[in-house]
Structure formats: C-alpha cells, structure tokens
N, C-alpha and C. Protein backbone atom coordinates (compact mmCIF):
# COMPACT_ATOMS: atom_id res chain seq x y z
N UNK A 1 -2.62 -26.47 31.61
CA UNK A 1 -3.78 -25.52 31.52
C UNK A 1 -4.43 -26.20 30.23
N UNK A 2 -5.84 -26.41 30.30
CA UNK A 2 -6.57 -26.82 29.20
C UNK A 2 -7.00 -25.72 28.31
N UNK A 3 -7.14 -25.93 26.93
CA UNK A 3 -7.55 -24.84 26.16
C UNK A 3 -9.11 -24.51 26.28
N UNK A 4 -9.88 -25.57 26.67
CA UNK A 4 -11.18 -25.30 26.81
C UNK A 4 -11.59 -25.05 28.29
N UNK A 5 -12.48 -24.16 28.65
CA UNK A 5 -12.97 -23.96 30.01
C UNK A 5 -14.34 -24.28 30.20
N UNK A 6 -15.20 -24.48 29.23
CA UNK A 6 -16.61 -24.77 29.22
C UNK A 6 -17.41 -23.53 29.78
N UNK A 7 -16.75 -22.46 30.15
CA UNK A 7 -17.39 -21.25 30.68
C UNK A 7 -18.24 -20.46 29.66
N UNK A 8 -17.90 -20.75 28.38
CA UNK A 8 -18.61 -19.99 27.22
C UNK A 8 -19.68 -20.88 26.67
N UNK A 9 -20.03 -22.11 27.16
CA UNK A 9 -20.88 -22.99 26.50
C UNK A 9 -22.30 -22.43 26.60
N UNK A 10 -22.66 -21.41 27.40
CA UNK A 10 -23.95 -20.90 27.49
C UNK A 10 -24.16 -19.61 26.62
N UNK A 11 -23.12 -19.28 25.93
CA UNK A 11 -23.20 -18.14 24.94
C UNK A 11 -22.68 -16.88 25.66
N UNK A 12 -22.00 -16.87 26.66
CA UNK A 12 -21.42 -15.69 27.38
C UNK A 12 -19.82 -15.89 27.51
N UNK A 13 -19.16 -14.70 27.48
CA UNK A 13 -17.68 -14.69 27.59
C UNK A 13 -17.34 -13.71 28.66
N UNK A 14 -16.15 -13.72 29.07
CA UNK A 14 -15.67 -12.75 30.15
C UNK A 14 -14.80 -11.73 29.53
N UNK A 15 -15.18 -10.45 29.82
CA UNK A 15 -14.25 -9.43 29.53
C UNK A 15 -13.11 -9.35 30.38
N UNK A 16 -12.04 -8.52 30.02
CA UNK A 16 -10.96 -8.42 30.85
C UNK A 16 -11.31 -7.63 32.24
N UNK A 17 -11.37 -8.27 33.24
CA UNK A 17 -11.84 -7.71 34.51
C UNK A 17 -12.97 -8.42 35.16
N UNK A 18 -13.25 -9.69 34.53
CA UNK A 18 -14.32 -10.82 34.94
C UNK A 18 -15.75 -10.50 34.73
N UNK A 19 -16.08 -9.26 34.22
CA UNK A 19 -17.57 -9.01 33.73
C UNK A 19 -17.92 -10.00 32.64
N UNK A 20 -19.13 -10.58 32.73
CA UNK A 20 -19.60 -11.60 31.77
C UNK A 20 -20.53 -10.91 30.96
N UNK A 21 -20.45 -11.12 29.57
CA UNK A 21 -21.44 -10.55 28.62
C UNK A 21 -21.68 -11.57 27.60
N UNK A 22 -22.71 -11.28 26.72
CA UNK A 22 -23.12 -12.21 25.62
C UNK A 22 -22.11 -12.24 24.65
N UNK A 23 -21.81 -13.27 23.94
CA UNK A 23 -20.88 -13.27 22.84
C UNK A 23 -21.31 -12.38 21.62
N UNK A 24 -22.48 -11.98 21.70
CA UNK A 24 -22.80 -10.96 20.58
C UNK A 24 -22.96 -9.63 21.10
N UNK A 25 -22.31 -9.26 22.23
CA UNK A 25 -22.17 -8.02 22.79
C UNK A 25 -21.26 -7.17 21.90
N UNK A 26 -21.63 -5.89 21.53
CA UNK A 26 -20.89 -4.99 20.68
C UNK A 26 -19.32 -5.03 21.08
N UNK A 27 -18.94 -5.07 22.17
CA UNK A 27 -17.64 -5.05 22.67
C UNK A 27 -17.00 -6.43 22.19
N UNK A 28 -17.59 -7.49 22.26
CA UNK A 28 -17.10 -8.79 21.92
C UNK A 28 -16.92 -8.76 20.26
N UNK A 29 -17.92 -8.23 19.69
CA UNK A 29 -17.96 -8.22 18.27
C UNK A 29 -16.65 -7.23 17.81
N UNK A 30 -16.42 -6.19 18.51
CA UNK A 30 -15.34 -5.24 18.03
C UNK A 30 -14.04 -5.99 18.27
N UNK A 31 -13.70 -6.51 19.36
CA UNK A 31 -12.43 -7.17 19.65
C UNK A 31 -12.23 -8.43 18.82
N UNK A 32 -13.38 -9.05 18.57
CA UNK A 32 -13.53 -10.25 17.61
C UNK A 32 -13.05 -9.97 16.25
N UNK A 33 -13.55 -8.89 15.68
CA UNK A 33 -13.07 -8.44 14.40
C UNK A 33 -11.62 -8.05 14.38
N UNK A 34 -11.15 -7.51 15.50
CA UNK A 34 -9.66 -7.06 15.44
C UNK A 34 -8.84 -8.40 15.59
N UNK A 35 -9.30 -9.34 16.27
CA UNK A 35 -8.65 -10.73 16.33
C UNK A 35 -8.56 -11.31 14.88
N UNK A 36 -9.68 -11.16 14.19
CA UNK A 36 -9.81 -11.62 12.82
C UNK A 36 -8.71 -10.83 11.91
N UNK A 37 -8.67 -9.69 12.01
CA UNK A 37 -7.78 -8.85 11.17
C UNK A 37 -6.23 -9.34 11.46
N UNK A 38 -6.06 -9.51 12.82
CA UNK A 38 -4.76 -10.10 13.34
C UNK A 38 -4.46 -11.36 12.49
N UNK A 39 -5.32 -12.19 12.34
CA UNK A 39 -5.18 -13.50 11.78
C UNK A 39 -4.90 -13.28 10.34
N UNK A 40 -5.63 -12.39 9.70
CA UNK A 40 -5.37 -12.10 8.21
C UNK A 40 -4.00 -11.51 7.93
N UNK A 41 -3.53 -10.70 8.82
CA UNK A 41 -2.10 -10.23 8.74
C UNK A 41 -1.20 -11.44 8.97
N UNK A 42 -1.53 -12.29 9.80
CA UNK A 42 -0.54 -13.53 9.88
C UNK A 42 -0.68 -14.27 8.49
N UNK A 43 -1.75 -14.53 7.94
CA UNK A 43 -1.78 -15.01 6.53
C UNK A 43 -0.85 -14.26 5.62
N UNK A 44 -0.99 -13.05 5.51
CA UNK A 44 -0.22 -12.25 4.63
C UNK A 44 1.19 -12.49 4.87
N UNK A 45 1.66 -12.45 6.22
CA UNK A 45 3.03 -12.78 6.53
C UNK A 45 3.52 -14.01 5.96
N UNK A 46 2.66 -15.05 6.10
CA UNK A 46 3.06 -16.37 5.58
C UNK A 46 3.21 -16.29 4.12
N UNK A 47 2.50 -15.54 3.26
CA UNK A 47 2.62 -15.51 1.99
C UNK A 47 3.82 -14.65 1.37
N UNK A 48 4.43 -13.81 2.34
CA UNK A 48 5.44 -12.89 1.90
C UNK A 48 6.66 -13.65 1.43
N UNK A 49 7.28 -13.25 0.35
CA UNK A 49 8.49 -13.82 -0.09
C UNK A 49 9.74 -13.30 0.78
N UNK A 50 10.72 -14.10 1.00
CA UNK A 50 11.81 -13.82 1.89
C UNK A 50 12.40 -12.38 1.62
N UNK A 51 12.40 -11.95 0.41
CA UNK A 51 13.03 -10.51 0.17
C UNK A 51 12.27 -9.35 0.70
N UNK A 52 11.17 -9.70 1.34
CA UNK A 52 10.35 -8.54 1.93
C UNK A 52 10.39 -8.81 3.49
N UNK A 53 11.56 -9.11 3.91
CA UNK A 53 11.63 -9.44 5.39
C UNK A 53 11.34 -8.06 6.26
N UNK A 54 11.70 -6.95 5.60
CA UNK A 54 11.42 -5.75 6.49
C UNK A 54 9.93 -5.43 6.61
N UNK A 55 9.14 -5.86 5.67
CA UNK A 55 7.84 -5.70 5.68
C UNK A 55 7.11 -6.77 6.78
N UNK A 56 7.66 -8.02 6.73
CA UNK A 56 7.31 -9.02 7.67
C UNK A 56 7.60 -8.61 9.19
N UNK A 57 8.67 -7.91 9.43
CA UNK A 57 8.89 -7.33 10.77
C UNK A 57 7.86 -6.36 11.11
N UNK A 58 7.56 -5.48 10.19
CA UNK A 58 6.42 -4.43 10.56
C UNK A 58 5.12 -5.11 10.72
N UNK A 59 4.84 -6.02 9.94
CA UNK A 59 3.54 -6.72 10.09
C UNK A 59 3.48 -7.52 11.43
N UNK A 60 4.65 -8.24 11.85
CA UNK A 60 4.70 -8.70 13.18
C UNK A 60 4.45 -7.75 14.19
N UNK A 61 4.93 -6.48 14.11
CA UNK A 61 4.82 -5.53 15.17
C UNK A 61 3.34 -4.97 15.05
N UNK A 62 2.62 -4.95 14.00
CA UNK A 62 1.20 -4.60 13.84
C UNK A 62 0.31 -5.72 14.57
N UNK A 63 0.82 -7.03 14.40
CA UNK A 63 0.04 -7.98 15.07
C UNK A 63 0.14 -7.97 16.67
N UNK A 64 1.34 -7.62 17.22
CA UNK A 64 1.50 -7.48 18.57
C UNK A 64 0.57 -6.17 19.04
N UNK A 65 0.56 -5.09 18.23
CA UNK A 65 -0.15 -3.95 18.34
C UNK A 65 -1.67 -4.25 18.58
N UNK A 66 -2.14 -5.25 17.63
CA UNK A 66 -3.50 -5.51 17.44
C UNK A 66 -3.99 -6.38 18.59
N UNK A 67 -3.02 -7.05 19.22
CA UNK A 67 -3.25 -7.83 20.43
C UNK A 67 -3.64 -6.92 21.57
N UNK A 68 -2.78 -5.79 21.62
CA UNK A 68 -2.98 -4.82 22.65
C UNK A 68 -4.25 -4.09 22.45
N UNK A 69 -4.58 -3.79 21.22
CA UNK A 69 -5.93 -3.15 20.86
C UNK A 69 -7.02 -4.00 21.24
N UNK A 70 -6.85 -5.22 20.98
CA UNK A 70 -8.08 -6.14 21.49
C UNK A 70 -8.16 -6.02 22.92
N UNK A 71 -7.13 -6.09 23.73
CA UNK A 71 -7.27 -6.01 25.15
C UNK A 71 -7.84 -4.66 25.63
N UNK A 72 -7.43 -3.54 24.91
CA UNK A 72 -8.01 -2.24 25.10
C UNK A 72 -9.60 -2.35 25.05
N UNK A 73 -9.91 -3.01 23.93
CA UNK A 73 -11.42 -2.99 23.62
C UNK A 73 -12.02 -3.95 24.53
N UNK A 74 -11.41 -5.02 24.92
CA UNK A 74 -12.03 -5.88 25.96
C UNK A 74 -12.15 -5.52 27.28
N UNK A 75 -11.51 -4.36 27.51
CA UNK A 75 -11.59 -3.83 29.04
C UNK A 75 -12.37 -2.54 29.14
N UNK A 76 -13.54 -2.64 29.66
CA UNK A 76 -14.31 -1.43 29.83
C UNK A 76 -13.65 -0.33 30.71
N UNK A 77 -13.82 0.88 30.43
CA UNK A 77 -13.29 1.94 31.22
C UNK A 77 -13.83 1.81 32.50
N UNK A 78 -12.97 1.89 33.62
CA UNK A 78 -13.39 1.88 34.89
C UNK A 78 -13.18 0.51 35.42
N UNK A 79 -12.91 -0.48 34.60
CA UNK A 79 -12.67 -1.79 35.06
C UNK A 79 -11.47 -2.01 36.04
N UNK A 80 -11.46 -3.02 36.99
CA UNK A 80 -10.35 -3.08 37.90
C UNK A 80 -9.16 -3.51 37.15
N UNK A 81 -9.36 -4.31 35.95
CA UNK A 81 -8.22 -4.75 35.11
C UNK A 81 -7.52 -3.63 34.21
N UNK A 82 -8.21 -2.52 34.28
CA UNK A 82 -7.74 -1.34 33.32
C UNK A 82 -6.22 -1.08 33.65
N UNK A 83 -5.66 -1.15 34.91
CA UNK A 83 -4.39 -0.67 35.14
C UNK A 83 -3.35 -1.73 34.48
N UNK A 84 -3.90 -2.74 33.91
CA UNK A 84 -3.04 -3.80 33.30
C UNK A 84 -2.96 -3.89 31.89
N UNK A 85 -3.71 -2.86 31.40
CA UNK A 85 -3.98 -2.91 29.98
C UNK A 85 -3.37 -1.59 29.47
N UNK A 86 -2.58 -1.98 28.17
CA UNK A 86 -1.97 -0.82 27.54
C UNK A 86 -3.05 -0.19 26.48
N UNK A 87 -3.41 1.14 26.80
CA UNK A 87 -4.49 1.65 25.75
C UNK A 87 -3.74 2.21 24.65
N UNK A 88 -4.32 2.27 23.57
CA UNK A 88 -3.70 2.83 22.36
C UNK A 88 -3.58 4.28 22.58
N UNK A 89 -2.41 4.73 22.12
CA UNK A 89 -1.99 6.10 22.33
C UNK A 89 -1.88 6.98 21.19
N UNK A 90 -1.89 8.32 21.27
CA UNK A 90 -1.78 9.22 19.89
C UNK A 90 -0.56 8.79 19.26
N UNK A 91 0.57 8.52 19.86
CA UNK A 91 1.96 8.14 19.16
C UNK A 91 1.81 6.87 18.32
N UNK A 92 0.77 5.98 18.82
CA UNK A 92 0.70 4.85 17.91
C UNK A 92 0.10 4.98 16.64
N UNK A 93 -0.89 6.11 16.64
CA UNK A 93 -1.52 6.45 15.36
C UNK A 93 -0.48 7.30 14.57
N UNK A 94 0.23 8.09 15.16
CA UNK A 94 1.31 8.81 14.34
C UNK A 94 2.23 7.89 13.80
N UNK A 95 2.68 6.88 14.34
CA UNK A 95 3.72 5.83 13.93
C UNK A 95 3.03 5.26 12.59
N UNK A 96 1.67 4.90 12.67
CA UNK A 96 1.14 4.39 11.42
C UNK A 96 1.05 5.35 10.34
N UNK A 97 0.79 6.68 10.61
CA UNK A 97 0.89 7.79 9.63
C UNK A 97 2.24 7.73 8.86
N UNK A 98 3.26 7.66 9.65
CA UNK A 98 4.60 7.76 9.15
C UNK A 98 4.85 6.47 8.15
N UNK A 99 4.50 5.35 8.50
CA UNK A 99 4.62 4.20 7.73
C UNK A 99 3.63 4.42 6.38
N UNK A 100 2.50 4.94 6.51
CA UNK A 100 1.69 5.09 5.35
C UNK A 100 2.30 6.04 4.34
N UNK A 101 2.93 7.17 4.88
CA UNK A 101 3.70 8.07 4.02
C UNK A 101 4.75 7.32 3.34
N UNK A 102 5.35 6.65 4.06
CA UNK A 102 6.67 5.97 3.38
C UNK A 102 6.24 4.96 2.32
N UNK A 103 5.34 4.12 2.57
CA UNK A 103 4.80 3.06 1.50
C UNK A 103 4.24 3.76 0.38
N UNK A 104 3.42 4.96 0.66
CA UNK A 104 2.77 5.73 -0.47
C UNK A 104 3.85 6.31 -1.44
N UNK A 105 4.99 6.79 -0.78
CA UNK A 105 5.91 7.60 -1.50
C UNK A 105 6.73 6.62 -2.27
N UNK A 106 6.82 5.26 -1.97
CA UNK A 106 7.59 4.24 -2.62
C UNK A 106 6.76 3.54 -3.84
N UNK A 107 5.50 4.02 -4.09
CA UNK A 107 4.84 3.40 -5.11
C UNK A 107 4.31 4.47 -5.98
N UNK A 108 4.02 4.08 -7.30
CA UNK A 108 3.35 4.94 -8.20
C UNK A 108 2.16 5.76 -7.77
N UNK A 109 1.89 6.90 -8.14
CA UNK A 109 0.68 7.57 -7.91
C UNK A 109 -0.51 6.76 -8.29
N UNK A 110 -1.60 6.78 -7.43
CA UNK A 110 -2.92 6.19 -7.90
C UNK A 110 -3.46 6.69 -9.18
N UNK A 111 -3.83 5.87 -10.09
CA UNK A 111 -4.32 6.27 -11.34
C UNK A 111 -5.76 5.85 -11.44
N UNK A 112 -6.40 5.11 -10.45
CA UNK A 112 -7.71 4.69 -10.61
C UNK A 112 -7.88 3.93 -9.36
N UNK A 113 -9.13 3.12 -9.38
CA UNK A 113 -9.42 2.45 -8.25
C UNK A 113 -8.79 1.05 -8.35
N UNK A 114 -8.14 0.71 -7.11
CA UNK A 114 -7.29 -0.54 -7.22
C UNK A 114 -8.19 -1.62 -6.82
N UNK A 115 -8.25 -2.83 -7.43
CA UNK A 115 -8.89 -4.04 -7.06
C UNK A 115 -7.90 -4.91 -6.04
N UNK A 116 -8.48 -5.59 -5.19
CA UNK A 116 -7.59 -6.50 -4.33
C UNK A 116 -7.11 -7.63 -5.31
N UNK A 117 -5.91 -7.82 -5.13
CA UNK A 117 -5.25 -8.92 -5.98
C UNK A 117 -3.83 -8.76 -6.18
N UNK A 118 -3.39 -9.34 -7.11
CA UNK A 118 -1.94 -9.21 -7.50
C UNK A 118 -1.23 -10.48 -6.81
N UNK A 119 0.02 -9.98 -6.32
CA UNK A 119 0.69 -11.20 -5.43
C UNK A 119 -0.23 -11.66 -4.25
N UNK A 120 -0.17 -12.96 -3.99
CA UNK A 120 -0.96 -13.40 -2.91
C UNK A 120 -0.76 -12.71 -1.58
N UNK A 121 0.40 -12.26 -1.35
CA UNK A 121 0.51 -11.37 -0.08
C UNK A 121 -0.17 -10.16 -0.18
N UNK A 122 -0.22 -9.61 -1.40
CA UNK A 122 -0.84 -8.29 -1.40
C UNK A 122 -2.30 -8.42 -1.35
N UNK A 123 -2.87 -9.48 -1.87
CA UNK A 123 -4.35 -9.81 -1.90
C UNK A 123 -4.75 -10.20 -0.35
N UNK A 124 -3.84 -10.93 0.35
CA UNK A 124 -4.09 -11.16 1.83
C UNK A 124 -4.24 -9.74 2.60
N UNK A 125 -3.25 -8.91 2.20
CA UNK A 125 -3.24 -7.59 2.90
C UNK A 125 -4.52 -6.82 2.73
N UNK A 126 -5.04 -7.03 1.44
CA UNK A 126 -6.33 -6.33 1.11
C UNK A 126 -7.45 -6.99 2.03
N UNK A 127 -7.48 -8.17 2.15
CA UNK A 127 -8.41 -8.90 2.99
C UNK A 127 -8.40 -8.40 4.38
N UNK A 128 -7.16 -8.24 5.01
CA UNK A 128 -6.87 -7.77 6.26
C UNK A 128 -7.43 -6.40 6.34
N UNK A 129 -7.24 -5.52 5.24
CA UNK A 129 -7.75 -4.20 5.31
C UNK A 129 -9.23 -4.15 5.40
N UNK A 130 -9.88 -4.89 4.67
CA UNK A 130 -11.32 -4.97 4.73
C UNK A 130 -11.80 -5.54 6.00
N UNK A 131 -11.10 -6.46 6.69
CA UNK A 131 -11.55 -6.84 8.02
C UNK A 131 -11.38 -5.66 9.08
N UNK A 132 -10.31 -4.97 8.84
CA UNK A 132 -9.90 -3.91 9.81
C UNK A 132 -11.12 -2.74 9.59
N UNK A 133 -11.63 -2.47 8.33
CA UNK A 133 -12.65 -1.63 8.20
C UNK A 133 -13.97 -2.09 8.95
N UNK A 134 -14.20 -3.46 8.86
CA UNK A 134 -15.38 -4.01 9.58
C UNK A 134 -15.23 -3.64 11.13
N UNK A 135 -13.87 -3.96 11.70
CA UNK A 135 -13.70 -3.85 12.96
C UNK A 135 -13.91 -2.30 13.38
N UNK A 136 -13.43 -1.35 12.36
CA UNK A 136 -13.64 -0.04 12.73
C UNK A 136 -15.18 0.33 12.82
N UNK A 137 -15.98 -0.21 11.91
CA UNK A 137 -17.41 -0.15 12.13
C UNK A 137 -18.04 -0.67 13.53
N UNK A 138 -17.46 -1.78 13.87
CA UNK A 138 -17.88 -2.34 15.13
C UNK A 138 -17.50 -1.38 16.21
N UNK A 139 -16.34 -0.73 16.34
CA UNK A 139 -16.03 0.03 17.37
C UNK A 139 -16.88 1.24 17.34
N UNK A 140 -17.14 1.81 16.23
CA UNK A 140 -18.07 2.96 16.06
C UNK A 140 -19.49 2.53 16.76
N UNK A 141 -19.96 1.42 16.46
CA UNK A 141 -21.12 0.84 17.11
C UNK A 141 -21.03 0.71 18.54
N UNK A 142 -19.97 0.26 19.01
CA UNK A 142 -19.71 0.16 20.43
C UNK A 142 -19.67 1.62 21.19
N UNK A 143 -18.94 2.49 20.46
CA UNK A 143 -18.87 3.83 20.98
C UNK A 143 -20.17 4.54 21.13
N UNK A 144 -21.20 4.05 20.36
CA UNK A 144 -22.56 4.65 20.50
C UNK A 144 -23.21 4.13 21.70
N UNK A 145 -22.56 3.21 22.38
CA UNK A 145 -23.29 2.57 23.53
C UNK A 145 -22.57 2.74 24.82
N UNK A 146 -21.14 2.71 24.61
CA UNK A 146 -20.32 2.70 25.72
C UNK A 146 -19.09 3.42 25.55
N UNK A 147 -18.28 3.87 26.49
CA UNK A 147 -17.10 4.54 26.39
C UNK A 147 -16.15 3.83 25.72
N UNK A 148 -15.33 4.33 24.77
CA UNK A 148 -14.30 3.64 24.19
C UNK A 148 -13.26 4.69 23.92
N UNK A 149 -11.91 3.92 24.08
CA UNK A 149 -10.72 4.76 23.78
C UNK A 149 -10.75 5.42 22.42
N UNK A 150 -10.88 6.72 22.19
CA UNK A 150 -11.07 7.40 20.80
C UNK A 150 -9.71 7.04 19.91
N UNK A 151 -8.60 6.81 20.62
CA UNK A 151 -7.51 6.40 19.86
C UNK A 151 -7.58 5.12 19.21
N UNK A 152 -8.35 4.21 19.76
CA UNK A 152 -8.52 2.88 19.13
C UNK A 152 -9.14 2.96 17.75
N UNK A 153 -10.10 3.86 17.78
CA UNK A 153 -10.86 4.19 16.49
C UNK A 153 -9.97 4.73 15.48
N UNK A 154 -9.19 5.71 15.74
CA UNK A 154 -8.33 6.46 15.11
C UNK A 154 -7.34 5.41 14.47
N UNK A 155 -6.82 4.51 15.44
CA UNK A 155 -5.77 3.49 14.98
C UNK A 155 -6.37 2.66 13.93
N UNK A 156 -7.59 2.08 14.00
CA UNK A 156 -8.10 1.22 13.00
C UNK A 156 -8.30 1.89 11.70
N UNK A 157 -8.68 3.19 11.76
CA UNK A 157 -8.85 3.96 10.51
C UNK A 157 -7.49 4.16 9.81
N UNK A 158 -6.46 4.44 10.54
CA UNK A 158 -5.12 4.58 9.86
C UNK A 158 -4.71 3.01 9.51
N UNK A 159 -4.88 2.08 10.28
CA UNK A 159 -4.41 0.75 9.88
C UNK A 159 -4.90 0.34 8.71
N UNK A 160 -6.15 0.55 8.42
CA UNK A 160 -6.72 0.14 7.04
C UNK A 160 -6.05 0.81 5.77
N UNK A 161 -5.75 2.09 6.04
CA UNK A 161 -4.91 2.86 5.13
C UNK A 161 -3.57 2.30 4.87
N UNK A 162 -3.06 1.94 5.92
CA UNK A 162 -1.69 1.43 5.87
C UNK A 162 -1.55 -0.06 5.14
N UNK A 163 -2.56 -0.82 5.44
CA UNK A 163 -2.60 -2.10 4.94
C UNK A 163 -2.86 -1.95 3.30
N UNK A 164 -3.64 -1.00 2.89
CA UNK A 164 -3.81 -0.70 1.58
C UNK A 164 -2.54 -0.14 0.82
N UNK A 165 -1.97 0.55 1.50
CA UNK A 165 -0.44 1.12 1.04
C UNK A 165 0.56 0.03 1.01
N UNK A 166 0.45 -0.83 1.95
CA UNK A 166 1.34 -2.00 1.96
C UNK A 166 1.22 -2.97 0.87
N UNK A 167 0.03 -3.21 0.65
CA UNK A 167 -0.58 -4.07 -0.54
C UNK A 167 0.03 -3.58 -1.78
N UNK A 168 -0.18 -2.27 -2.04
CA UNK A 168 0.29 -1.77 -3.20
C UNK A 168 1.77 -1.79 -3.28
N UNK A 169 2.51 -1.53 -2.26
CA UNK A 169 3.91 -1.56 -2.18
C UNK A 169 4.39 -2.99 -2.64
N UNK A 170 3.78 -3.90 -2.07
CA UNK A 170 4.10 -5.54 -2.30
C UNK A 170 3.99 -5.78 -3.70
N UNK A 171 2.91 -5.40 -4.46
CA UNK A 171 2.80 -5.57 -5.85
C UNK A 171 3.86 -4.86 -6.65
N UNK A 172 4.05 -3.54 -6.30
CA UNK A 172 5.04 -2.86 -7.00
C UNK A 172 6.48 -3.39 -6.80
N UNK A 173 6.78 -3.71 -5.56
CA UNK A 173 8.17 -4.17 -5.34
C UNK A 173 8.40 -5.35 -5.98
N UNK A 174 7.42 -6.27 -6.14
CA UNK A 174 7.55 -7.63 -6.75
C UNK A 174 7.29 -7.64 -8.29
N UNK A 175 7.04 -6.49 -8.86
CA UNK A 175 6.85 -6.32 -10.19
C UNK A 175 5.44 -6.97 -10.71
N UNK A 176 4.53 -7.14 -9.87
CA UNK A 176 3.21 -7.53 -10.14
C UNK A 176 2.28 -6.49 -10.52
N UNK A 177 1.67 -6.62 -11.58
CA UNK A 177 0.60 -5.77 -12.11
C UNK A 177 -0.45 -5.52 -10.99
N UNK A 178 -0.74 -4.32 -10.78
CA UNK A 178 -1.80 -3.95 -9.76
C UNK A 178 -3.21 -4.00 -10.44
N UNK A 179 -4.09 -4.98 -9.94
CA UNK A 179 -5.40 -4.95 -10.68
C UNK A 179 -6.14 -3.66 -10.51
N UNK A 180 -6.65 -3.23 -11.58
CA UNK A 180 -7.40 -1.93 -11.57
C UNK A 180 -8.91 -2.16 -12.01
N UNK A 181 -9.77 -1.38 -11.36
CA UNK A 181 -11.11 -1.40 -11.68
C UNK A 181 -11.33 -0.86 -13.07
N UNK A 182 -12.10 -1.59 -13.96
CA UNK A 182 -12.51 -1.05 -15.23
C UNK A 182 -13.94 -0.95 -15.23
N UNK A 183 -14.43 0.27 -15.67
CA UNK A 183 -15.90 0.41 -15.99
C UNK A 183 -16.50 -0.49 -17.00
N UNK A 184 -17.58 -1.09 -16.63
CA UNK A 184 -18.26 -2.11 -17.61
C UNK A 184 -19.10 -1.43 -18.47
C-alpha cells in the first residue's frame, strides 16, 4: 500500500463513509486540529523523563482516544460508516475529570496566572493544550453548521484542562519552577 493516493490533489478529501469535501471544510478543520493536538502530545511524551512513566501511559491512552475522537468528527451523523466508529461517551469525559482532580490535588494551589514553560515536557503539554483549545473552537464552528456529537465538545473542553493540570504536575514533580505571569 502506498502512502500517497493522489485523490486529494484537487483540494478535496474523503470523510469516513466516502463523502468528499473540501480540505477547508469545517469538519476537516476540526479533526485536523485534533490530529495536531495528538502530535503535540506525542512530542510531550518524547520529552518526558523516565521517572514519569505513569504519565507517559496516560498520555498514550489520550493519544488513542484522540484518534477515536478524530474518527468521530470525520464521520457525519447518518453516514453508512457510523456503525464502525466509536463515538465519545459521557464516561470518557468523566474519566478526564477524575484525572484533572488527581493532578490538581497533587500540585500547589494556583497563586496567579501560569505561563507555558518550565520543563520541556511541561511546555509541550501547554502547546498541546493550546491546540486542543483551537480544536474546541473548530468543533463549535462545525456544530453551528452540522450535527456534532456533543460529548466530543465536552471531551475537548476537559482535555485542555487536563493538559494544563498535567503540565503543572510535571513542573512540580520535577522541581522545576513554574513560570508566572508578572504584571509589567
């Protein structure tokens, strides 16, 4: 199987279920940003020190979940391919909330606005958080035009919070000072 198909050379791509749309379609923009967030999480994993293996496992699970979320977004409701897609469920969102609570409890209380930075893995998690926020905005735009799984939007909203909490935890756990915003 070749990596290239040439079917997108005219500026269109296929959704899951064979429908073809422009590569700037809101649905493609949404799952494209989810893919970018997944890549940023992969970078954060590559920067994690070995002693944070538990976090690496959770980030790997998040990457798989984002792959599923991308498929959810790439599959319009009513598509013949819908039966083959795992849609995001309320339990997925609840799972993120549990992790958010755990990482938040394991770090000092917020004393001001946190700037992205500190350990390279924490900084990469902050970049992933910002990309997830963009993906969330894209899903909101898509939902204004087409039916979207509401749990997908909730998942992205919680995921950005989780990545923030994880970034803080990495800095705390590794003894790296958390960059703080200072009024100029």
